[in-house]
Amino acid sequence: MADLARITEIVEAEVKALGFELVRVILFGKTEVGDEEHTLQIMAERPETGQLVLEDCAALSHRISDRIDDLEDRGIVLIEEAYRLEVSSPGIDRPLTRFRDYAGWAGHEAKLQLVKPVDGNRKSLHGELAGTEGDATILFDDRKSGRLSFTLADIHSAKLVLTDRLIAASRPQDMTGADEIEDEDALEDIRPEDIQALQQQED
């Protein structure tokens, strides 16, 4: 089974080497009419802009590919079976994957998917980020349930909702950074049973 924590550790080192910050790593796949498609998705950003331009995505994609190729040449195979590598910027309606995201984007609309239900049988929440408390508590004003609090471990996935307020608050975006780099030859293999996802975003 693919060790996603180890993959993330290796990817994050390459991300930091270029002066970027890692937002998310996901390993997923799907099967359609017998055809399997697997993807290692890397999302990163420049700390000063909150995005990557096209050239950044290309540089990071090549660096990660070269690193994993080097490991495979030394007999260290992180993932088996074919898949493609995708590198992208998080975009304006970004996923919220780090504790600091919930403080940094306080006051903005978001959707959350919880690990366990609250307020009866609800896992899907829609409301406004209300900041954080201490080192672990996330505050959220849900439209139906009012003020709720969670830890990061309680949240399966979360993302900002694209609103006029969010657009106005976001730094100017270079549209060349909206493109996604795909490298289908970068990595060779992944087992179907290795498919995992961290913080998979769902509307």
Protein backbone atom coordinates (compact mmCIF):
# COMPACT_ATOMS: atom_id res chain seq x y z
CA MET A 1 0.00 0.00 0.00
CA ALA A 2 1.37 3.43 -0.93
CA ASP A 3 2.65 5.41 2.03
CA LEU A 4 1.02 8.80 1.47
CA ALA A 5 2.76 10.30 4.48
CA ARG A 6 6.15 9.37 2.99
CA ILE A 7 5.13 10.70 -0.44
CA THR A 8 4.01 13.96 1.16
CA GLU A 9 7.30 14.25 3.05
CA ILE A 10 9.31 13.88 -0.16
CA VAL A 11 7.05 16.22 -2.14
CA GLU A 12 7.10 18.89 0.57
CA ALA A 13 10.91 18.92 0.57
CA GLU A 14 10.92 19.66 -3.17
CA VAL A 15 8.19 22.29 -2.77
CA LYS A 16 10.17 24.08 -0.05
CA ALA A 17 13.38 23.87 -2.09
CA LEU A 18 11.73 26.15 -4.67
CA GLY A 19 10.53 28.58 -2.00
CA PHE A 20 6.89 27.45 -2.23
CA GLU A 21 4.48 26.13 0.41
CA LEU A 22 2.60 22.85 0.13
CA VAL A 23 -1.19 23.12 0.27
CA ARG A 24 -2.33 19.57 -0.43
CA VAL A 25 -1.27 16.13 -1.67
CA ILE A 26 -3.92 13.69 -2.90
CA LEU A 27 -3.54 10.24 -4.39
CA PHE A 28 -6.73 9.05 -6.06
CA GLY A 29 -8.11 7.07 -8.96
CA LYS A 30 -11.21 5.85 -10.70
CA THR A 31 -12.27 3.06 -13.00
CA GLU A 32 -14.48 3.56 -16.04
CA VAL A 33 -15.37 0.67 -18.35
CA GLY A 34 -12.24 -1.21 -17.37
CA ASP A 35 -9.90 1.74 -17.84
CA GLU A 36 -8.09 2.79 -14.68
CA GLU A 37 -6.92 6.35 -14.20
CA HIS A 38 -4.86 7.31 -11.17
CA THR A 39 -3.58 10.72 -10.22
CA LEU A 40 -1.09 12.17 -7.77
CA GLN A 41 -2.27 15.74 -7.31
CA ILE A 42 0.06 18.34 -5.81
CA MET A 43 -1.26 21.77 -4.85
CA ALA A 44 1.20 24.46 -3.80
CA GLU A 45 1.54 28.22 -3.56
CA ARG A 46 4.01 31.06 -3.31
CA PRO A 47 3.64 32.47 0.23
CA GLU A 48 3.70 36.05 -1.05
CA THR A 49 0.93 35.58 -3.65
CA GLY A 50 -1.05 32.48 -2.61
CA GLN A 51 -0.71 31.03 -6.12
CA LEU A 52 1.67 29.51 -8.66
CA VAL A 53 2.12 30.75 -12.21
CA LEU A 54 2.49 28.32 -15.09
CA GLU A 55 6.30 28.41 -14.98
CA ASP A 56 6.21 27.59 -11.25
CA CYS A 57 3.97 24.58 -11.86
CA ALA A 58 6.28 23.31 -14.60
CA ALA A 59 9.40 23.73 -12.45
CA LEU A 60 7.83 21.95 -9.50
CA SER A 61 6.45 19.14 -11.66
CA HIS A 62 9.89 18.46 -13.16
CA ARG A 63 11.59 18.64 -9.77
CA ILE A 64 9.18 16.12 -8.19
CA SER A 65 9.42 13.81 -11.21
CA ASP A 66 13.22 13.89 -11.12
CA ARG A 67 13.27 13.19 -7.38
CA ILE A 68 10.99 10.17 -7.63
CA ASP A 69 12.88 8.87 -10.67
CA ASP A 70 16.10 9.14 -8.66
CA LEU A 71 14.56 7.18 -5.79
CA GLU A 72 13.32 4.48 -8.17
CA ASP A 73 16.83 4.21 -9.69
CA ARG A 74 18.04 3.47 -6.16
CA GLY A 75 15.39 0.80 -5.69
CA ILE A 76 12.99 2.89 -3.61
CA VAL A 77 9.55 2.65 -5.21
CA LEU A 78 7.01 4.92 -3.54
CA ILE A 79 4.06 4.04 -5.76
CA GLU A 80 3.48 1.09 -8.06
CA GLU A 81 1.54 0.92 -11.35
CA ALA A 82 0.90 3.79 -13.75
CA TYR A 83 -0.51 7.16 -12.80
CA ARG A 84 -0.14 10.80 -13.78
CA LEU A 85 1.26 13.72 -11.84
CA GLU A 86 -0.70 16.98 -11.60
CA VAL A 87 0.70 20.19 -10.14
CA SER A 88 -1.52 23.23 -9.67
CA SER A 89 -2.19 26.44 -7.79
CA PRO A 90 -4.97 26.31 -5.16
CA GLY A 91 -7.09 28.98 -6.89
CA ILE A 92 -9.30 31.57 -5.21
CA ASP A 93 -11.88 29.11 -3.84
CA ARG A 94 -9.07 27.13 -2.29
CA PRO A 95 -9.21 24.03 -0.12
CA LEU A 96 -8.62 24.65 3.58
CA THR A 97 -6.06 22.08 4.66
CA ARG A 98 -4.00 23.77 7.37
CA PHE A 99 -5.01 25.12 10.77
CA ARG A 100 -3.75 28.57 9.85
CA ASP A 101 -6.10 28.66 6.83
CA TYR A 102 -9.11 28.90 9.15
CA ALA A 103 -7.71 31.99 10.85
CA GLY A 104 -6.37 33.58 7.68
CA TRP A 105 -9.70 33.32 5.87
CA ALA A 106 -11.97 34.17 8.84
CA GLY A 107 -15.09 36.05 7.75
CA HIS A 108 -15.37 34.24 4.43
CA GLU A 109 -17.97 31.73 3.30
CA ALA A 110 -16.98 28.07 3.26
CA LYS A 111 -18.30 24.53 2.93
CA LEU A 112 -17.18 21.79 5.31
CA GLN A 113 -17.53 18.02 5.25
CA LEU A 114 -17.15 16.52 8.70
CA VAL A 115 -15.81 13.13 9.70
CA LYS A 116 -18.71 12.60 12.14
CA PRO A 117 -22.20 14.16 11.99
CA VAL A 118 -23.34 17.02 14.22
CA ASP A 119 -26.76 18.49 15.01
CA GLY A 120 -28.64 15.29 14.31
CA ASN A 121 -27.19 13.67 11.22
CA ARG A 122 -25.43 16.48 9.36
CA LYS A 123 -21.93 16.14 7.98
CA SER A 124 -22.22 18.86 5.33
CA LEU A 125 -22.02 22.41 6.65
CA HIS A 126 -22.26 25.76 4.88
CA GLY A 127 -21.53 29.01 6.60
CA GLU A 128 -18.81 31.44 7.59
CA LEU A 129 -15.36 30.86 9.03
CA ALA A 130 -15.19 32.44 12.48
CA GLY A 131 -11.48 32.10 13.15
CA THR A 132 -9.63 29.94 15.66
CA GLU A 133 -9.07 29.65 19.40
CA GLY A 134 -5.84 28.51 20.97
CA ASP A 135 -3.68 26.04 19.12
CA ALA A 136 -6.32 23.59 17.91
CA THR A 137 -9.90 24.93 17.91
CA ILE A 138 -11.61 26.00 14.68
CA LEU A 139 -14.75 28.14 14.93
CA PHE A 140 -17.47 28.01 12.29
CA ASP A 141 -20.83 29.80 12.02
CA ASP A 142 -23.08 27.30 10.28
CA ARG A 143 -26.21 28.65 8.57
CA LYS A 144 -28.45 26.10 10.31
CA SER A 145 -26.70 25.23 13.57
CA GLY A 146 -25.02 28.51 14.50
CA ARG A 147 -21.59 28.64 16.14
CA LEU A 148 -19.76 25.29 16.10
CA SER A 149 -16.22 24.33 17.02
CA PHE A 150 -13.95 21.59 15.69
CA THR A 151 -10.39 20.42 15.53
CA LEU A 152 -8.69 19.90 12.18
CA ALA A 153 -9.04 16.14 12.66
CA ASP A 154 -12.87 16.53 12.80
CA ILE A 155 -12.95 17.97 9.27
CA HIS A 156 -12.84 15.59 6.32
CA SER A 157 -12.64 18.39 3.75
CA ALA A 158 -13.23 22.11 3.49
CA LYS A 159 -13.06 24.80 0.84
CA LEU A 160 -13.84 28.46 0.42
CA VAL A 161 -16.93 29.44 -1.54
CA LEU A 162 -16.34 31.80 -4.45
CA THR A 163 -18.06 35.09 -3.58
CA ASP A 164 -17.59 38.73 -4.56
CA ARG A 165 -16.15 39.35 -1.11
CA LEU A 166 -13.59 36.59 -1.54
CA ILE A 167 -12.59 37.86 -4.98
CA ALA A 168 -12.17 41.38 -3.59
CA ALA A 169 -10.07 40.09 -0.69
CA SER A 170 -7.84 37.89 -2.84
CA ARG A 171 -4.56 39.13 -4.22
CA PRO A 172 -4.55 39.88 -7.95
CA GLN A 173 -4.32 36.58 -9.78
CA ASP A 174 -2.05 35.93 -12.74
CA MET A 175 -4.21 33.87 -15.09
CA THR A 176 -1.19 31.96 -16.34
CA GLY A 177 -1.16 30.32 -12.93
CA ALA A 178 -4.59 28.83 -13.45
CA ASP A 179 -3.24 26.16 -15.74
CA GLU A 180 -2.51 22.73 -14.38
CA ILE A 181 0.63 20.84 -15.25
CA GLU A 182 0.17 17.15 -15.94
CA ASP A 183 3.06 14.73 -16.32
CA GLU A 184 1.74 11.32 -17.27
CA ASP A 185 5.23 9.86 -17.66
CA ALA A 186 6.68 11.21 -14.43
CA LEU A 187 5.67 8.22 -12.32
CA GLU A 188 5.14 4.68 -13.47
CA ASP A 189 3.02 2.77 -11.02
CA ILE A 190 0.25 2.69 -8.42
CA ARG A 191 -1.86 -0.19 -7.14
CA PRO A 192 -5.64 0.32 -7.09
CA GLU A 193 -5.65 -0.59 -3.41
CA ASP A 194 -3.18 2.22 -2.81
CA ILE A 195 -5.72 4.88 -3.73
CA GLN A 196 -6.06 7.33 -0.90
CA ALA A 197 -7.23 10.91 -0.50
CA LEU A 198 -6.43 13.60 2.00
CA GLN A 199 -8.83 16.47 2.34
CA GLN A 200 -10.67 15.62 -0.90
CA GLN A 201 -12.84 18.56 -1.79
CA GLU A 202 -16.51 17.99 -2.51
CA ASP A 203 -19.23 20.51 -3.23
